[in-house]
Protein backbone atom coordinates (compact mmCIF):
# COMPACT_ATOMS: atom_id res chain seq x y z
CA MET A 1 -64.59 -169.58 67.45
CA THR A 2 -66.74 -170.58 70.43
CA THR A 3 -69.12 -168.07 71.98
CA ARG A 4 -70.64 -168.84 75.35
CA ALA A 5 -73.94 -167.51 76.61
CA GLU A 6 -73.96 -165.97 80.08
CA PRO A 7 -76.71 -167.32 82.37
CA ALA A 8 -78.82 -165.04 84.49
CA PRO A 9 -77.96 -165.04 88.21
CA ASP A 10 -79.54 -167.97 90.10
CA ALA A 11 -81.15 -169.22 86.87
CA VAL A 12 -82.14 -172.87 86.56
CA LEU A 13 -80.66 -173.80 83.21
CA PRO A 14 -81.76 -176.50 80.79
CA SER A 15 -79.19 -178.94 79.48
CA ARG A 16 -76.20 -177.38 77.77
CA CYS A 17 -76.40 -177.28 73.99
CA LEU A 18 -73.71 -176.41 71.45
CA LEU A 19 -74.60 -174.92 68.09
CA LEU A 20 -71.88 -176.19 65.75
CA ALA A 21 -72.24 -173.89 62.79
CA CYS A 22 -70.87 -172.47 59.60
CA GLY A 23 -69.02 -169.24 60.24
CA ALA A 24 -71.23 -167.54 57.66
CA LEU A 25 -74.11 -167.82 60.15
CA ALA A 26 -72.39 -166.54 63.29
CA ARG A 27 -73.98 -163.09 63.39
CA GLU A 28 -77.48 -164.43 62.74
CA LEU A 29 -77.23 -167.27 65.24
CA LEU A 30 -76.03 -164.97 68.01
CA ALA A 31 -78.91 -162.60 67.28
CA ILE A 32 -81.46 -165.43 67.36
CA ARG A 33 -80.02 -166.93 70.52
CA ASP A 34 -79.90 -163.65 72.40
CA ALA A 35 -83.36 -162.52 71.23
CA ASN A 36 -84.86 -165.76 72.56
CA GLY A 37 -82.90 -165.79 75.81
CA TRP A 38 -81.41 -169.21 75.04
CA THR A 39 -78.68 -168.93 77.64
CA HIS A 40 -78.16 -172.71 77.57
CA MET A 41 -76.78 -172.49 74.02
CA ASP A 42 -73.17 -171.85 73.10
CA LEU A 43 -71.93 -171.26 69.57
CA HIS A 44 -68.86 -172.72 67.89
CA CYS A 45 -68.25 -171.79 64.26
CA LEU A 46 -66.16 -173.55 61.67
CA PRO A 47 -64.46 -171.44 58.99
CA ALA A 48 -66.90 -170.03 56.47
CA ASP A 49 -64.50 -170.75 53.63
CA LEU A 50 -65.20 -174.48 53.98
CA HIS A 51 -68.03 -173.68 51.57
CA LEU A 52 -65.40 -173.32 48.89
CA ARG A 53 -64.41 -176.97 49.51
CA PRO A 54 -67.65 -178.66 50.65
CA GLU A 55 -66.09 -182.12 50.54
CA ARG A 56 -64.15 -181.09 53.66
CA ILE A 57 -67.23 -180.14 55.69
CA PRO A 58 -68.17 -183.64 57.00
CA ASP A 59 -64.68 -184.32 58.40
CA ALA A 60 -64.47 -180.85 59.95
CA VAL A 61 -67.88 -181.28 61.58
CA GLU A 62 -66.99 -184.72 62.91
CA ALA A 63 -63.73 -183.46 64.38
CA ALA A 64 -65.56 -180.63 66.14
CA VAL A 65 -68.31 -182.93 67.44
CA ARG A 66 -65.74 -185.29 68.92
CA ARG A 67 -63.72 -182.43 70.39
CA HIS A 68 -66.63 -180.58 72.01
CA GLY A 69 -69.08 -183.42 72.62
CA PRO A 70 -67.88 -184.29 76.15
CA ASP A 71 -68.58 -180.72 77.31
CA TYR A 72 -72.24 -180.62 76.23
CA ASP A 73 -75.46 -182.51 76.69
CA SER A 74 -76.35 -182.03 73.04
CA ILE A 75 -74.96 -180.64 69.80
CA ILE A 76 -76.95 -179.22 66.88
CA VAL A 77 -75.16 -178.99 63.54
CA VAL A 78 -76.22 -175.72 61.93
CA TYR A 79 -75.34 -176.53 58.35
CA ALA A 80 -77.65 -177.44 55.52
CA ASP A 81 -76.37 -179.94 52.95
CA CYS A 82 -74.17 -177.14 51.58
CA GLY A 83 -72.95 -179.01 48.52
CA THR A 84 -71.87 -182.19 50.31
CA GLY A 85 -74.25 -184.37 48.30
CA GLY A 86 -75.83 -185.93 51.38
CA LEU A 87 -72.49 -186.81 52.99
CA LEU A 88 -72.91 -184.34 55.85
CA GLN A 89 -76.33 -185.72 56.76
CA ALA A 90 -74.95 -189.27 56.67
CA ARG A 91 -72.06 -188.26 58.92
CA CYS A 92 -74.38 -186.52 61.38
CA ASP A 93 -76.56 -189.63 61.47
CA GLN A 94 -73.50 -191.74 62.28
CA LEU A 95 -72.52 -189.31 65.04
CA GLY A 96 -76.06 -189.15 66.41
CA VAL A 97 -76.34 -185.37 66.18
CA PRO A 98 -79.26 -183.48 64.57
CA MET A 99 -78.69 -181.20 61.61
CA ILE A 100 -80.69 -178.29 60.19
CA PRO A 101 -82.80 -179.52 57.25
CA GLY A 102 -82.48 -178.03 53.79
CA PRO A 103 -80.22 -177.98 50.75
CA HIS A 104 -78.40 -174.74 51.63
CA CYS A 105 -78.65 -171.68 53.87
CA TYR A 106 -80.56 -169.78 51.18
CA ALA A 107 -83.37 -172.27 51.64
CA PHE A 108 -83.76 -172.01 55.38
CA PHE A 109 -83.50 -168.22 55.30
CA ASP A 110 -86.06 -168.11 52.48
CA GLY A 111 -88.15 -170.86 54.11
CA VAL A 112 -87.41 -174.40 52.92
CA GLU A 113 -90.90 -175.03 51.57
CA ALA A 114 -91.17 -171.62 49.93
CA ASN A 115 -87.72 -171.97 48.39
CA ALA A 116 -88.58 -175.38 46.97
CA ALA A 117 -91.85 -174.05 45.56
CA ARG A 118 -89.93 -171.33 43.71
CA ALA A 119 -87.33 -173.71 42.29
CA ASP A 120 -88.94 -173.91 38.85
CA THR A 121 -89.01 -170.13 38.44
CA GLU A 122 -85.75 -169.21 40.23
CA PHE A 123 -83.30 -171.75 38.87
CA THR A 124 -81.67 -168.87 36.97
CA ALA A 125 -81.25 -166.79 40.15
CA PHE A 126 -77.99 -166.19 42.00
CA TYR A 127 -78.56 -165.70 45.74
CA LEU A 128 -76.78 -163.63 48.35
CA THR A 129 -77.37 -163.45 52.10
CA ASP A 130 -76.26 -160.67 54.45
CA PHE A 131 -72.98 -162.49 55.01
CA LEU A 132 -72.30 -162.92 51.31
CA VAL A 133 -73.11 -159.29 50.61
CA ARG A 134 -70.57 -158.24 53.25
CA GLN A 135 -68.02 -160.75 51.97
CA PHE A 136 -68.82 -160.56 48.26
CA ASP A 137 -65.26 -159.91 47.14
CA ALA A 138 -63.76 -162.70 49.25
CA PHE A 139 -66.40 -165.38 48.69
CA VAL A 140 -67.60 -164.60 45.17
CA TRP A 141 -65.45 -162.22 43.16
CA ARG A 142 -61.98 -163.42 44.16
CA ALA A 143 -63.07 -166.99 44.90
CA MET A 144 -64.30 -167.34 41.31
CA GLY A 145 -61.17 -165.70 39.92
CA LEU A 146 -63.07 -162.73 38.53
CA ASP A 147 -60.52 -160.30 39.94
CA ARG A 148 -57.86 -161.93 37.79
CA HIS A 149 -59.96 -162.99 34.81
CA PRO A 150 -63.01 -160.68 34.55
CA GLN A 151 -63.83 -162.11 31.12
CA LEU A 152 -64.98 -165.28 32.88
CA ARG A 153 -68.00 -163.44 34.29
CA ASP A 154 -70.10 -163.81 31.15
CA MET A 155 -69.26 -167.50 30.94
CA TYR A 156 -70.01 -168.25 34.59
CA PHE A 157 -73.25 -166.28 34.63
CA ALA A 158 -74.47 -166.86 31.08
CA HIS A 159 -77.52 -168.76 32.32
CA TYR A 160 -78.38 -166.48 35.25
CA ASP A 161 -80.79 -163.61 34.81
CA ARG A 162 -80.96 -162.04 38.29
CA LEU A 163 -79.35 -161.70 41.68
CA ILE A 164 -81.73 -162.13 44.62
CA TYR A 165 -80.58 -160.67 47.92
CA LEU A 166 -82.20 -162.62 50.77
CA ALA A 167 -82.00 -159.92 53.43
CA GLN A 168 -81.82 -160.91 57.08
CA THR A 169 -81.75 -157.27 58.16
CA ASP A 170 -83.12 -153.95 56.96
CA ASP A 171 -79.84 -152.20 56.22
CA PRO A 172 -79.70 -149.64 53.39
CA ALA A 173 -75.92 -149.94 53.21
CA LEU A 174 -76.13 -153.68 52.62
CA ASP A 175 -78.90 -153.13 50.11
CA GLU A 176 -76.64 -150.82 48.12
CA LYS A 177 -73.75 -153.29 48.31
CA ALA A 178 -76.03 -156.07 47.06
CA ALA A 179 -77.25 -153.91 44.18
CA GLU A 180 -73.64 -153.11 43.30
CA ALA A 181 -72.82 -156.84 43.34
CA ALA A 182 -75.64 -157.42 40.86
CA ARG A 183 -74.27 -154.67 38.60
CA ARG A 184 -70.79 -156.19 38.73
CA LEU A 185 -72.17 -159.57 37.74
CA GLY A 186 -74.37 -158.11 35.01
CA LEU A 187 -77.58 -159.37 36.62
CA ARG A 188 -80.96 -157.83 37.36
CA TYR A 189 -81.34 -157.03 41.06
CA GLU A 190 -84.09 -158.18 43.42
CA ARG A 191 -84.31 -157.87 47.19
CA ARG A 192 -86.38 -160.23 49.34
CA ALA A 193 -86.76 -159.53 53.05
CA THR A 194 -86.57 -162.92 54.76
CA ALA A 195 -85.23 -162.10 58.24
CA TYR A 196 -84.08 -165.42 59.75
CA GLY A 197 -86.63 -167.55 57.94
CA ASP A 198 -87.11 -171.05 59.37
CA LEU A 199 -84.00 -170.91 61.51
CA PRO A 200 -85.44 -169.78 64.90
CA ASP A 201 -88.28 -172.33 64.87
CA VAL A 202 -86.05 -175.19 63.70
CA LEU A 203 -83.46 -174.41 66.39
CA ALA A 204 -86.16 -174.31 69.04
CA GLN A 205 -87.55 -177.67 67.91
CA LEU A 206 -84.16 -179.36 67.68
CA SER A 207 -83.05 -177.97 71.04
CA SER A 208 -86.26 -179.22 72.67
CA SER A 209 -85.93 -182.66 71.11
CA ALA A 210 -82.28 -182.96 72.11
CA SER A 211 -83.03 -182.12 75.75
CA GLN A 212 -85.73 -184.79 76.14
């Protein structure tokens, strides 16, 4: 999926930039781009279910960079490490494209520094974002086989004590879905309003650096 921004009439545009992103971030990235008037940025998303096989992410990102690179002045890879064990960062370095810093999207929504500071007290927390609340059945319940083997829940989550919903939006319907997800997993529920966290500032910095 590639989404192009429409420039204003007679606008003098900066260099063209492609956000090459995880599909789980599409809604948030479009909102950030449009709110900031970044008409020089287009968005191309890779399938969100790559997160279920993170070893495939570096090759998928490289293929997309090589495919779309000739059409843009710069590309920003909007993935965190996402379970690749440093392989995605190494691949981005080889390709010469910048990548969003952080271990996972929970961290940059929460704020990378704040998330790291909480690591010692939240290592027993299971996180959801807006996307994962909407797609809980597809990306958690069925992906973990809990629809077929519900008895596995207590084994998988034996060492978790809470579900923390990192909320990008203030949506009571999503809040209720997140609370229901916590009940289904047998975890205490917490909600933390993060909005888009570090993402807008990091994108602005990377876009500025890439255009220099």
